[in-house]
Amino acid sequence: MLDNQLKLNKNEEFIRLDAMLKMLGVFETGGQAKFAIQSGLVKVNGEICTMRGKKMRKGDSAEFDGNVFEVL
């Protein structure tokens, strides 16, 4: 089962979109995350995002394959 929430550490301002999806277990490798993002299969805050280095901050959400993942 996937974890749908990622809590940033106190000293973290953001996490990159590809790293977030890998850390949550959506993809096994960064390469898989990169491919899905650049192929337009991932939405950020409801809009398709093709930037794998997109800075995800508290309150942002990413969506892939019908699952929504939030940054806390």
PDB file of N, CA and C in Angstrom:
ATOM      1  N   MET A   1       0.837  -1.185   0.000  1.00  0.00           N
ATOM      2  CA  MET A   1       0.000   0.000   0.000  1.00  0.00           C
ATOM      3  C   MET A   1       0.884   1.250   0.000  1.00  0.00           C
ATOM      4  N   LEU A   2       0.486   2.234  -0.762  1.00  0.00           N
ATOM      5  CA  LEU A   2       1.237   3.476  -0.872  1.00  0.00           C
ATOM      6  C   LEU A   2       0.912   4.418   0.280  1.00  0.00           C
ATOM      7  N   ASP A   3       1.922   5.164   0.702  1.00  0.00           N
ATOM      8  CA  ASP A   3       1.702   6.237   1.669  1.00  0.00           C
ATOM      9  C   ASP A   3       1.313   7.465   0.872  1.00  0.00           C
ATOM     10  N   ASN A   4       0.211   8.104   1.197  1.00  0.00           N
ATOM     11  CA  ASN A   4      -0.289   9.226   0.396  1.00  0.00           C
ATOM     12  C   ASN A   4       0.095  10.587   0.952  1.00  0.00           C
ATOM     13  N   GLN A   5       0.902  10.598   2.013  1.00  0.00           N
ATOM     14  CA  GLN A   5       1.301  11.872   2.588  1.00  0.00           C
ATOM     15  C   GLN A   5       2.786  11.862   2.893  1.00  0.00           C
ATOM     16  N   LEU A   6       3.428  12.989   2.637  1.00  0.00           N
ATOM     17  CA  LEU A   6       4.849  13.146   2.924  1.00  0.00           C
ATOM     18  C   LEU A   6       5.007  14.379   3.797  1.00  0.00           C
ATOM     19  N   LYS A   7       5.577  14.191   4.964  1.00  0.00           N
ATOM     20  CA  LYS A   7       5.791  15.315   5.880  1.00  0.00           C
ATOM     21  C   LYS A   7       7.224  15.807   5.713  1.00  0.00           C
ATOM     22  N   LEU A   8       7.355  17.096   5.404  1.00  0.00           N
ATOM     23  CA  LEU A   8       8.680  17.696   5.284  1.00  0.00           C
ATOM     24  C   LEU A   8       9.289  17.874   6.670  1.00  0.00           C
ATOM     25  N   ASN A   9      10.600  17.713   6.761  1.00  0.00           N
ATOM     26  CA  ASN A   9      11.301  17.996   8.012  1.00  0.00           C
ATOM     27  C   ASN A   9      11.297  19.496   8.258  1.00  0.00           C
ATOM     28  N   LYS A  10      11.539  19.897   9.493  1.00  0.00           N
ATOM     29  CA  LYS A  10      11.527  21.316   9.852  1.00  0.00           C
ATOM     30  C   LYS A  10      12.474  22.138   8.976  1.00  0.00           C
ATOM     31  N   ASN A  11      13.627  21.571   8.644  1.00  0.00           N
ATOM     32  CA  ASN A  11      14.632  22.320   7.888  1.00  0.00           C
ATOM     33  C   ASN A  11      14.453  22.206   6.371  1.00  0.00           C
ATOM     34  N   GLU A  12      13.430  21.493   5.926  1.00  0.00           N
ATOM     35  CA  GLU A  12      13.163  21.359   4.488  1.00  0.00           C
ATOM     36  C   GLU A  12      12.093  22.356   4.052  1.00  0.00           C
ATOM     37  N   GLU A  13      12.406  23.108   3.007  1.00  0.00           N
ATOM     38  CA  GLU A  13      11.443  24.057   2.455  1.00  0.00           C
ATOM     39  C   GLU A  13      10.612  23.399   1.359  1.00  0.00           C
ATOM     40  N   PHE A  14      11.223  22.418   0.655  1.00  0.00           N
ATOM     41  CA  PHE A  14      10.554  21.748  -0.451  1.00  0.00           C
ATOM     42  C   PHE A  14      11.213  20.397  -0.711  1.00  0.00           C
ATOM     43  N   ILE A  15      10.563  19.604  -1.565  1.00  0.00           N
ATOM     44  CA  ILE A  15      11.130  18.364  -2.077  1.00  0.00           C
ATOM     45  C   ILE A  15      10.821  18.326  -3.567  1.00  0.00           C
ATOM     46  N   ARG A  16      11.739  17.790  -4.352  1.00  0.00           N
ATOM     47  CA  ARG A  16      11.499  17.695  -5.797  1.00  0.00           C
ATOM     48  C   ARG A  16      10.405  16.659  -6.066  1.00  0.00           C
ATOM     49  N   LEU A  17       9.620  16.921  -7.085  1.00  0.00           N
ATOM     50  CA  LEU A  17       8.500  16.044  -7.437  1.00  0.00           C
ATOM     51  C   LEU A  17       8.955  14.607  -7.664  1.00  0.00           C
ATOM     52  N   ASP A  18      10.016  14.402  -8.445  1.00  0.00           N
ATOM     53  CA  ASP A  18      10.460  13.028  -8.716  1.00  0.00           C
ATOM     54  C   ASP A  18      10.920  12.322  -7.447  1.00  0.00           C
ATOM     55  N   ALA A  19      11.625  13.042  -6.577  1.00  0.00           N
ATOM     56  CA  ALA A  19      12.087  12.456  -5.315  1.00  0.00           C
ATOM     57  C   ALA A  19      10.908  12.118  -4.403  1.00  0.00           C
ATOM     58  N   MET A  20       9.906  12.980  -4.395  1.00  0.00           N
ATOM     59  CA  MET A  20       8.717  12.745  -3.570  1.00  0.00           C
ATOM     60  C   MET A  20       8.013  11.457  -3.992  1.00  0.00           C
ATOM     61  N   LEU A  21       7.801  11.295  -5.289  1.00  0.00           N
ATOM     62  CA  LEU A  21       7.089  10.113  -5.780  1.00  0.00           C
ATOM     63  C   LEU A  21       7.880   8.834  -5.526  1.00  0.00           C
ATOM     64  N   LYS A  22       9.187   8.913  -5.640  1.00  0.00           N
ATOM     65  CA  LYS A  22      10.029   7.746  -5.346  1.00  0.00           C
ATOM     66  C   LYS A  22       9.991   7.437  -3.848  1.00  0.00           C
ATOM     67  N   MET A  23      10.108   8.463  -3.014  1.00  0.00           N
ATOM     68  CA  MET A  23      10.118   8.275  -1.568  1.00  0.00           C
ATOM     69  C   MET A  23       8.807   7.672  -1.059  1.00  0.00           C
ATOM     70  N   LEU A  24       7.695   8.044  -1.680  1.00  0.00           N
ATOM     71  CA  LEU A  24       6.387   7.523  -1.267  1.00  0.00           C
ATOM     72  C   LEU A  24       6.112   6.123  -1.816  1.00  0.00           C
ATOM     73  N   GLY A  25       7.003   5.617  -2.680  1.00  0.00           N
ATOM     74  CA  GLY A  25       6.831   4.275  -3.214  1.00  0.00           C
ATOM     75  C   GLY A  25       5.966   4.194  -4.454  1.00  0.00           C
ATOM     76  N   VAL A  26       5.665   5.345  -5.057  1.00  0.00           N
ATOM     77  CA  VAL A  26       4.871   5.354  -6.279  1.00  0.00           C
ATOM     78  C   VAL A  26       5.676   4.702  -7.407  1.00  0.00           C
ATOM     79  N   PHE A  27       6.978   4.985  -7.420  1.00  0.00           N
ATOM     80  CA  PHE A  27       7.896   4.399  -8.403  1.00  0.00           C
ATOM     81  C   PHE A  27       9.083   3.797  -7.670  1.00  0.00           C
ATOM     82  N   GLU A  28       9.621   2.714  -8.216  1.00  0.00           N
ATOM     83  CA  GLU A  28      10.771   2.064  -7.595  1.00  0.00           C
ATOM     84  C   GLU A  28      12.061   2.828  -7.838  1.00  0.00           C
ATOM     85  N   THR A  29      12.164   3.487  -8.984  1.00  0.00           N
ATOM     86  CA  THR A  29      13.398   4.200  -9.317  1.00  0.00           C
ATOM     87  C   THR A  29      13.102   5.636  -9.728  1.00  0.00           C
ATOM     88  N   GLY A  30      14.129   6.456  -9.623  1.00  0.00           N
ATOM     89  CA  GLY A  30      13.996   7.829 -10.079  1.00  0.00           C
ATOM     90  C   GLY A  30      13.769   7.905 -11.571  1.00  0.00           C
ATOM     91  N   GLY A  31      14.336   6.957 -12.306  1.00  0.00           N
ATOM     92  CA  GLY A  31      14.156   6.924 -13.752  1.00  0.00           C
ATOM     93  C   GLY A  31      12.704   6.692 -14.140  1.00  0.00           C
ATOM     94  N   GLN A  32      12.021   5.831 -13.406  1.00  0.00           N
ATOM     95  CA  GLN A  32      10.606   5.584 -13.668  1.00  0.00           C
ATOM     96  C   GLN A  32       9.791   6.837 -13.378  1.00  0.00           C
ATOM     97  N   ALA A  33      10.115   7.519 -12.286  1.00  0.00           N
ATOM     98  CA  ALA A  33       9.412   8.754 -11.932  1.00  0.00           C
ATOM     99  C   ALA A  33       9.646   9.808 -13.012  1.00  0.00           C
ATOM    100  N   LYS A  34      10.885   9.958 -13.435  1.00  0.00           N
ATOM    101  CA  LYS A  34      11.234  10.928 -14.473  1.00  0.00           C
ATOM    102  C   LYS A  34      10.443  10.665 -15.751  1.00  0.00           C
ATOM    103  N   PHE A  35      10.380   9.411 -16.178  1.00  0.00           N
ATOM    104  CA  PHE A  35       9.675   9.055 -17.403  1.00  0.00           C
ATOM    105  C   PHE A  35       8.192   9.404 -17.306  1.00  0.00           C
ATOM    106  N   ALA A  36       7.560   9.042 -16.184  1.00  0.00           N
ATOM    107  CA  ALA A  36       6.125   9.313 -16.008  1.00  0.00           C
ATOM    108  C   ALA A  36       5.843  10.810 -15.992  1.00  0.00           C
ATOM    109  N   ILE A  37       6.690  11.560 -15.296  1.00  0.00           N
ATOM    110  CA  ILE A  37       6.499  13.010 -15.204  1.00  0.00           C
ATOM    111  C   ILE A  37       6.669  13.649 -16.574  1.00  0.00           C
ATOM    112  N   GLN A  38       7.762  13.327 -17.257  1.00  0.00           N
ATOM    113  CA  GLN A  38       8.034  13.940 -18.553  1.00  0.00           C
ATOM    114  C   GLN A  38       7.064  13.487 -19.635  1.00  0.00           C
ATOM    115  N   SER A  39       6.367  12.371 -19.393  1.00  0.00           N
ATOM    116  CA  SER A  39       5.353  11.890 -20.336  1.00  0.00           C
ATOM    117  C   SER A  39       3.988  12.529 -20.095  1.00  0.00           C
ATOM    118  N   GLY A  40       3.892  13.399 -19.079  1.00  0.00           N
ATOM    119  CA  GLY A  40       2.633  14.089 -18.805  1.00  0.00           C
ATOM    120  C   GLY A  40       1.630  13.260 -18.031  1.00  0.00           C
ATOM    121  N   LEU A  41       2.090  12.259 -17.304  1.00  0.00           N
ATOM    122  CA  LEU A  41       1.189  11.376 -16.568  1.00  0.00           C
ATOM    123  C   LEU A  41       0.952  11.808 -15.120  1.00  0.00           C
ATOM    124  N   VAL A  42       1.640  12.872 -14.694  1.00  0.00           N
ATOM    125  CA  VAL A  42       1.541  13.337 -13.305  1.00  0.00           C
ATOM    126  C   VAL A  42       0.958  14.742 -13.280  1.00  0.00           C
ATOM    127  N   LYS A  43       0.029  14.945 -12.363  1.00  0.00           N
ATOM    128  CA  LYS A  43      -0.546  16.273 -12.156  1.00  0.00           C
ATOM    129  C   LYS A  43      -0.026  16.832 -10.834  1.00  0.00           C
ATOM    130  N   VAL A  44       0.197  18.135 -10.808  1.00  0.00           N
ATOM    131  CA  VAL A  44       0.557  18.844  -9.577  1.00  0.00           C
ATOM    132  C   VAL A  44      -0.513  19.902  -9.352  1.00  0.00           C
ATOM    133  N   ASN A  45      -1.123  19.837  -8.192  1.00  0.00           N
ATOM    134  CA  ASN A  45      -2.205  20.771  -7.847  1.00  0.00           C
ATOM    135  C   ASN A  45      -3.266  20.836  -8.949  1.00  0.00           C
ATOM    136  N   GLY A  46      -3.576  19.666  -9.526  1.00  0.00           N
ATOM    137  CA  GLY A  46      -4.655  19.549 -10.500  1.00  0.00           C
ATOM    138  C   GLY A  46      -4.283  19.797 -11.949  1.00  0.00           C
ATOM    139  N   GLU A  47      -3.019  20.180 -12.207  1.00  0.00           N
ATOM    140  CA  GLU A  47      -2.599  20.457 -13.586  1.00  0.00           C
ATOM    141  C   GLU A  47      -1.415  19.578 -13.979  1.00  0.00           C
ATOM    142  N   ILE A  48      -1.393  19.126 -15.223  1.00  0.00           N
ATOM    143  CA  ILE A  48      -0.296  18.294 -15.703  1.00  0.00           C
ATOM    144  C   ILE A  48       1.022  19.039 -15.537  1.00  0.00           C
ATOM    145  N   CYS A  49       2.015  18.342 -15.004  1.00  0.00           N
ATOM    146  CA  CYS A  49       3.334  18.926 -14.778  1.00  0.00           C
ATOM    147  C   CYS A  49       4.376  18.006 -15.407  1.00  0.00           C
ATOM    148  N   THR A  50       5.223  18.554 -16.266  1.00  0.00           N
ATOM    149  CA  THR A  50       6.262  17.757 -16.907  1.00  0.00           C
ATOM    150  C   THR A  50       7.657  18.104 -16.383  1.00  0.00           C
ATOM    151  N   MET A  51       7.724  18.863 -15.297  1.00  0.00           N
ATOM    152  CA  MET A  51       9.013  19.240 -14.699  1.00  0.00           C
ATOM    153  C   MET A  51       9.316  18.309 -13.528  1.00  0.00           C
ATOM    154  N   ARG A  52      10.273  17.412 -13.720  1.00  0.00           N
ATOM    155  CA  ARG A  52      10.572  16.457 -12.644  1.00  0.00           C
ATOM    156  C   ARG A  52      11.179  17.140 -11.430  1.00  0.00           C
ATOM    157  N   GLY A  53      11.813  18.303 -11.632  1.00  0.00           N
ATOM    158  CA  GLY A  53      12.414  19.037 -10.533  1.00  0.00           C
ATOM    159  C   GLY A  53      11.480  20.035  -9.878  1.00  0.00           C
ATOM    160  N   LYS A  54      10.194  19.950 -10.186  1.00  0.00           N
ATOM    161  CA  LYS A  54       9.189  20.857  -9.604  1.00  0.00           C
ATOM    162  C   LYS A  54       9.319  20.839  -8.085  1.00  0.00           C
ATOM    163  N   LYS A  55       9.402  22.011  -7.487  1.00  0.00           N
ATOM    164  CA  LYS A  55       9.527  22.109  -6.041  1.00  0.00           C
ATOM    165  C   LYS A  55       8.157  21.936  -5.398  1.00  0.00           C
ATOM    166  N   MET A  56       8.028  20.880  -4.632  1.00  0.00           N
ATOM    167  CA  MET A  56       6.782  20.586  -3.932  1.00  0.00           C
ATOM    168  C   MET A  56       6.896  21.109  -2.503  1.00  0.00           C
ATOM    169  N   ARG A  57       5.983  22.003  -2.143  1.00  0.00           N
ATOM    170  CA  ARG A  57       6.001  22.630  -0.818  1.00  0.00           C
ATOM    171  C   ARG A  57       4.763  22.205  -0.023  1.00  0.00           C
ATOM    172  N   LYS A  58       4.767  22.529   1.260  1.00  0.00           N
ATOM    173  CA  LYS A  58       3.617  22.200   2.108  1.00  0.00           C
ATOM    174  C   LYS A  58       2.339  22.682   1.451  1.00  0.00           C
ATOM    175  N   GLY A  59       1.334  21.812   1.404  1.00  0.00           N
ATOM    176  CA  GLY A  59       0.047  22.156   0.819  1.00  0.00           C
ATOM    177  C   GLY A  59      -0.094  21.729  -0.632  1.00  0.00           C
ATOM    178  N   ASP A  60       1.030  21.389  -1.285  1.00  0.00           N
ATOM    179  CA  ASP A  60       0.973  20.934  -2.677  1.00  0.00           C
ATOM    180  C   ASP A  60       0.545  19.476  -2.735  1.00  0.00           C
ATOM    181  N   SER A  61      -0.020  19.100  -3.879  1.00  0.00           N
ATOM    182  CA  SER A  61      -0.402  17.701  -4.076  1.00  0.00           C
ATOM    183  C   SER A  61       0.018  17.253  -5.476  1.00  0.00           C
ATOM    184  N   ALA A  62       0.302  15.971  -5.584  1.00  0.00           N
ATOM    185  CA  ALA A  62       0.624  15.358  -6.863  1.00  0.00           C
ATOM    186  C   ALA A  62      -0.364  14.219  -7.082  1.00  0.00           C
ATOM    187  N   GLU A  63      -0.703  13.968  -8.345  1.00  0.00           N
ATOM    188  CA  GLU A  63      -1.657  12.904  -8.664  1.00  0.00           C
ATOM    189  C   GLU A  63      -1.077  12.027  -9.764  1.00  0.00           C
ATOM    190  N   PHE A  64      -1.149  10.714  -9.547  1.00  0.00           N
ATOM    191  CA  PHE A  64      -0.717   9.750 -10.554  1.00  0.00           C
ATOM    192  C   PHE A  64      -1.618   8.533 -10.468  1.00  0.00           C
ATOM    193  N   ASP A  65      -2.125   8.097 -11.595  1.00  0.00           N
ATOM    194  CA  ASP A  65      -2.913   6.868 -11.687  1.00  0.00           C
ATOM    195  C   ASP A  65      -4.087   6.851 -10.706  1.00  0.00           C
ATOM    196  N   GLY A  66      -4.740   8.008 -10.558  1.00  0.00           N
ATOM    197  CA  GLY A  66      -5.913   8.086  -9.696  1.00  0.00           C
ATOM    198  C   GLY A  66      -5.616   8.242  -8.217  1.00  0.00           C
ATOM    199  N   ASN A  67      -4.348   8.271  -7.837  1.00  0.00           N
ATOM    200  CA  ASN A  67      -3.959   8.439  -6.438  1.00  0.00           C
ATOM    201  C   ASN A  67      -3.428   9.852  -6.221  1.00  0.00           C
ATOM    202  N   VAL A  68      -3.806  10.458  -5.096  1.00  0.00           N
ATOM    203  CA  VAL A  68      -3.360  11.804  -4.761  1.00  0.00           C
ATOM    204  C   VAL A  68      -2.380  11.718  -3.594  1.00  0.00           C
ATOM    205  N   PHE A  69      -1.270  12.452  -3.724  1.00  0.00           N
ATOM    206  CA  PHE A  69      -0.213  12.452  -2.720  1.00  0.00           C
ATOM    207  C   PHE A  69       0.014  13.878  -2.266  1.00  0.00           C
ATOM    208  N   GLU A  70       0.019  14.090  -0.943  1.00  0.00           N
ATOM    209  CA  GLU A  70       0.086  15.438  -0.384  1.00  0.00           C
ATOM    210  C   GLU A  70       1.388  15.671   0.369  1.00  0.00           C
ATOM    211  N   VAL A  71       1.835  16.944   0.336  1.00  0.00           N
ATOM    212  CA  VAL A  71       2.991  17.367   1.121  1.00  0.00           C
ATOM    213  C   VAL A  71       2.464  18.074   2.363  1.00  0.00           C
ATOM    214  N   LEU A  72       2.916  17.605   3.502  1.00  0.00           N
ATOM    215  CA  LEU A  72       2.489  18.195   4.792  1.00  0.00           C
ATOM    216  C   LEU A  72       3.610  18.994   5.405  1.00  0.00           C
TER     217      LEU A  72
END
